[in-house]
Amino acid sequence: MSEKIYSDYDRFAWFYNRYWGPEFSSPALAIYNVLLFPHLPAGCRILDLCCGTGQIAAGLSERGYQVTGLDGSEAMLRFACENAPLAEFIQADARTFTLPQRFQAVLSAFDSLNHVMKLEELTAVFRNVYNVMDDEDSVFLFDLNIEDESEFAGQSIDMVEEDHACIVRGSYDRLEKLKRYDVTMFQVEEDGWQRSDLTLYQRYYDNLEVLGALADAGFQRVKTYDARREFGFT
């Protein structure tokens, strides 16, 4: 199953690198400047879990941290190596990874963990994170989309440029708590316009489910934030 998911993300990597990675990284790093960086020693090790195309890893490296990025998509990581040449990147599954290093901080940004489809798998991710943290003062900071009224209506995003076009159509299943993105992309290649279609999913979890999974993984001290209300994040 993971191999199929990652191949879908491979096809999506160019779009993510061009639009979503740069758009999200700046406000994310601004939030980390408040919640994370003041609590970290200079030059410490940070794991960027589900690092995507590496824009956040680049920002962390520029601040002097030793960054390891981990992602399951080979194509995402190719962009990440270009965007953050000072970081180390590893292709692995967040649900099953092990690493020899220990980290003072682990990050997972841009609702990446919503792409983990089962609660037991999310718990496994949390356990893996717990096992690579340096000590009890290390920080695990991640974001998740949660169900709210804005998800119930259909959404559509359209980008049209001279050499590419992309349409993202979003829908939400309230019973299954499943967000679906149907993506149609067009790119100009040597033999003309090429079309690619794929579907990506996100699972939405209740706060109590997430807190329970963190506790099962061994996390004792947990604090939650509302990114929209407290940080103006949209």
Protein backbone atom coordinates (compact mmCIF):
# COMPACT_ATOMS: atom_id res chain seq x y z
CA MET A 1 0.00 0.00 0.00
CA SER A 2 2.76 2.47 0.91
CA GLU A 3 4.47 1.91 -2.45
CA LYS A 4 1.31 2.93 -4.32
CA ILE A 5 0.81 6.00 -2.13
CA TYR A 6 4.37 7.15 -2.63
CA SER A 7 4.19 6.72 -6.39
CA ASP A 8 1.16 9.04 -6.37
CA TYR A 9 3.15 11.62 -4.42
CA ASP A 10 5.96 11.26 -6.96
CA ARG A 11 3.64 12.47 -9.71
CA PHE A 12 2.48 15.33 -7.48
CA ALA A 13 5.98 16.43 -6.42
CA TRP A 14 6.54 19.10 -9.10
CA PHE A 15 3.28 20.83 -8.18
CA TYR A 16 3.97 20.64 -4.46
CA ASN A 17 7.46 22.03 -4.98
CA ARG A 18 6.24 24.92 -7.11
CA TYR A 19 3.21 25.96 -5.06
CA TRP A 20 2.46 24.38 -1.70
CA GLY A 21 5.98 23.92 -0.32
CA PRO A 22 7.04 27.56 -0.71
CA GLU A 23 3.60 28.86 0.32
CA PHE A 24 3.48 26.88 3.55
CA SER A 25 7.08 27.03 4.70
CA SER A 26 7.22 30.76 5.52
CA PRO A 27 4.26 30.86 7.98
CA ALA A 28 5.30 27.48 9.42
CA LEU A 29 8.79 28.74 10.19
CA ALA A 30 7.28 31.87 11.75
CA ILE A 31 5.27 29.66 14.11
CA TYR A 32 8.37 27.59 14.92
CA ASN A 33 10.14 30.84 15.75
CA VAL A 34 7.62 31.26 18.59
CA LEU A 35 6.95 27.68 19.70
CA LEU A 36 10.16 25.81 18.97
CA PHE A 37 13.41 27.66 18.35
CA PRO A 38 13.57 29.42 21.78
CA HIS A 39 13.58 25.98 23.43
CA LEU A 40 16.35 24.40 21.34
CA PRO A 41 20.12 24.51 21.76
CA ALA A 42 22.00 26.13 18.90
CA GLY A 43 23.01 23.75 16.14
CA CYS A 44 21.05 20.79 17.50
CA ARG A 45 19.69 17.88 15.47
CA ILE A 46 16.17 18.23 14.00
CA LEU A 47 14.21 15.54 12.15
CA ASP A 48 11.83 16.89 9.52
CA LEU A 49 9.36 14.01 9.24
CA CYS A 50 7.42 13.82 5.95
CA CYS A 51 9.65 16.62 4.73
CA GLY A 52 8.17 16.88 1.23
CA THR A 53 10.24 19.06 -1.10
CA GLY A 54 12.45 20.46 1.63
CA GLN A 55 11.53 24.13 1.96
CA ILE A 56 11.18 23.86 5.74
CA ALA A 57 14.39 21.83 5.96
CA ALA A 58 16.12 24.66 4.07
CA GLY A 59 14.84 27.21 6.56
CA LEU A 60 16.04 25.08 9.48
CA SER A 61 19.47 24.61 7.91
CA GLU A 62 19.79 28.36 7.34
CA ARG A 63 19.25 28.81 11.08
CA GLY A 64 22.21 26.56 11.80
CA TYR A 65 20.43 23.34 12.81
CA GLN A 66 21.60 19.87 11.75
CA VAL A 67 18.64 18.70 9.70
CA THR A 68 17.60 15.24 8.60
CA GLY A 69 14.58 15.07 6.30
CA LEU A 70 12.58 11.87 5.94
CA ASP A 71 9.94 11.21 3.31
CA GLY A 72 8.54 8.25 1.39
CA SER A 73 8.47 9.89 -2.05
CA GLU A 74 11.62 9.63 -4.13
CA ALA A 75 10.54 12.54 -6.36
CA MET A 76 9.80 14.78 -3.37
CA LEU A 77 13.28 14.04 -2.01
CA ARG A 78 14.95 14.93 -5.32
CA PHE A 79 13.49 18.42 -5.01
CA ALA A 80 14.37 18.51 -1.31
CA CYS A 81 18.04 17.82 -2.04
CA GLU A 82 18.07 20.79 -4.42
CA ASN A 83 16.19 23.09 -2.06
CA ALA A 84 18.12 22.22 1.10
CA PRO A 85 21.64 21.08 0.10
CA LEU A 86 22.92 21.35 3.69
CA ALA A 87 20.41 18.81 5.01
CA GLU A 88 20.54 15.02 4.93
CA PHE A 89 17.60 13.21 3.36
CA ILE A 90 16.37 9.65 3.85
CA GLN A 91 13.63 7.80 1.98
CA ALA A 92 11.57 5.84 4.50
CA ASP A 93 8.03 5.19 5.70
CA ALA A 94 6.96 7.29 8.70
CA ARG A 95 5.02 4.29 10.02
CA THR A 96 8.04 1.97 10.15
CA PHE A 97 11.23 4.05 10.23
CA THR A 98 14.15 3.61 12.62
CA LEU A 99 17.25 5.82 12.74
CA PRO A 100 20.57 5.55 14.56
CA GLN A 101 20.63 9.27 15.39
CA ARG A 102 18.79 10.95 18.25
CA PHE A 103 17.14 14.34 17.82
CA GLN A 104 16.42 17.30 20.07
CA ALA A 105 13.35 18.10 17.94
CA VAL A 106 11.09 16.30 15.49
CA LEU A 107 8.77 18.26 13.19
CA SER A 108 5.98 17.14 10.91
CA ALA A 109 4.39 19.97 8.97
CA PHE A 110 1.62 20.79 6.51
CA ASP A 111 -0.92 18.21 7.78
CA SER A 112 1.39 15.42 6.60
CA LEU A 113 0.16 13.07 9.32
CA ASN A 114 -3.41 13.37 8.03
CA HIS A 115 -2.19 11.15 5.19
CA VAL A 116 -1.80 8.29 7.68
CA MET A 117 -5.08 6.49 7.17
CA LYS A 118 -5.49 4.43 10.36
CA LEU A 119 -5.28 5.35 14.04
CA GLU A 120 -3.04 2.38 14.82
CA GLU A 121 -0.68 3.53 12.08
CA LEU A 122 -0.67 7.06 13.47
CA THR A 123 0.20 5.57 16.88
CA ALA A 124 3.07 3.68 15.20
CA VAL A 125 4.37 6.97 13.76
CA PHE A 126 4.27 8.53 17.23
CA ARG A 127 6.16 5.55 18.70
CA ASN A 128 8.84 5.85 16.03
CA VAL A 129 9.21 9.54 16.83
CA TYR A 130 9.40 8.84 20.56
CA ASN A 131 12.16 6.30 19.96
CA VAL A 132 14.41 8.76 18.10
CA MET A 133 14.04 11.64 20.55
CA ASP A 134 17.14 12.46 22.55
CA ASP A 135 15.61 12.85 26.02
CA GLU A 136 12.49 13.98 27.84
CA ASP A 137 13.24 17.62 27.02
CA SER A 138 13.20 16.99 23.27
CA VAL A 139 10.27 18.50 21.36
CA PHE A 140 7.85 16.88 18.91
CA LEU A 141 5.86 19.54 17.05
CA PHE A 142 3.31 18.60 14.39
CA ASP A 143 0.09 19.90 12.89
CA LEU A 144 -3.10 18.09 11.87
CA ASN A 145 -6.23 19.24 10.10
CA ILE A 146 -9.34 18.63 12.17
CA GLU A 147 -12.96 18.51 11.15
CA ASP A 148 -14.77 21.86 10.97
CA GLU A 149 -17.53 23.50 8.95
CA SER A 150 -15.13 24.69 6.25
CA GLU A 151 -14.45 21.08 5.26
CA PHE A 152 -18.05 20.17 4.53
CA ALA A 153 -18.37 22.28 1.36
CA GLY A 154 -16.64 21.22 -1.85
CA GLN A 155 -13.41 23.02 -2.70
CA SER A 156 -11.61 23.64 -5.96
CA ILE A 157 -8.17 25.13 -6.69
CA ASP A 158 -7.15 26.01 -10.24
CA MET A 159 -3.68 27.04 -11.44
CA VAL A 160 -3.12 27.83 -15.13
CA GLU A 161 0.25 28.90 -16.55
CA GLU A 162 1.82 28.84 -20.00
CA ASP A 163 3.49 25.45 -19.56
CA HIS A 164 1.24 23.76 -17.01
CA ALA A 165 -2.20 23.67 -15.45
CA CYS A 166 -3.54 21.97 -12.35
CA ILE A 167 -7.03 21.49 -10.95
CA VAL A 168 -7.50 20.21 -7.39
CA ARG A 169 -11.06 19.28 -6.39
CA GLY A 170 -11.66 18.60 -2.70
CA SER A 171 -14.56 16.79 -1.06
CA TYR A 172 -15.21 15.52 2.46
CA ASP A 173 -17.01 12.40 3.71
CA ARG A 174 -18.40 13.32 7.13
CA LEU A 175 -19.25 9.73 8.03
CA GLU A 176 -15.79 8.37 7.26
CA LYS A 177 -13.97 11.59 8.24
CA LEU A 178 -12.13 11.30 4.96
CA LYS A 179 -10.91 14.20 2.84
CA ARG A 180 -10.45 13.43 -0.86
CA TYR A 181 -8.45 15.44 -3.37
CA ASP A 182 -8.95 14.66 -7.07
CA VAL A 183 -6.00 16.17 -8.93
CA THR A 184 -5.72 16.72 -12.70
CA MET A 185 -2.43 18.07 -14.00
CA PHE A 186 -1.25 19.10 -17.45
CA GLN A 187 2.41 19.74 -18.33
CA VAL A 188 4.15 20.63 -21.56
CA GLU A 189 6.73 17.98 -22.42
CA GLU A 190 8.80 17.29 -25.53
CA ASP A 191 5.93 15.58 -27.34
CA GLY A 192 3.23 18.06 -26.27
CA TRP A 193 0.81 18.43 -23.41
CA GLN A 194 0.66 15.45 -21.03
CA ARG A 195 -2.20 14.81 -18.61
CA SER A 196 -1.88 13.11 -15.23
CA ASP A 197 -4.70 12.25 -12.81
CA LEU A 198 -4.46 11.08 -9.23
CA THR A 199 -6.46 10.99 -6.00
CA LEU A 200 -5.01 11.77 -2.58
CA TYR A 201 -6.69 11.17 0.78
CA GLN A 202 -6.48 12.56 4.28
CA ARG A 203 -7.96 11.04 7.44
CA TYR A 204 -9.29 13.46 10.04
CA TYR A 205 -8.93 12.43 13.69
CA ASP A 206 -10.63 13.65 16.85
CA ASN A 207 -8.45 15.45 19.38
CA LEU A 208 -9.07 12.68 21.92
CA GLU A 209 -7.91 10.06 19.42
CA VAL A 210 -4.68 11.95 18.80
CA LEU A 211 -4.05 12.53 22.50
CA GLY A 212 -4.68 8.84 23.19
CA ALA A 213 -2.26 7.80 20.45
CA LEU A 214 0.42 10.12 21.86
CA ALA A 215 -0.07 8.66 25.33
CA ASP A 216 0.15 5.12 23.97
CA ALA A 217 3.44 6.05 22.29
CA GLY A 218 4.90 7.30 25.58
CA PHE A 219 4.42 11.07 25.42
CA GLN A 220 3.64 12.48 28.86
CA ARG A 221 3.49 16.26 28.34
CA VAL A 222 1.26 17.44 25.50
CA LYS A 223 0.07 20.94 24.59
CA THR A 224 -2.32 21.76 21.75
CA TYR A 225 -2.75 24.98 19.78
CA ASP A 226 -5.36 26.36 17.41
CA ALA A 227 -3.21 27.60 14.51
CA ARG A 228 -5.99 29.70 13.00
CA ARG A 229 -7.05 31.41 16.21
CA GLU A 230 -3.67 31.74 17.91
CA PHE A 231 -1.36 32.29 14.93
CA GLY A 232 -3.64 33.53 12.16
CA PHE A 233 -2.78 30.50 10.05
CA THR A 234 -5.17 29.77 7.17
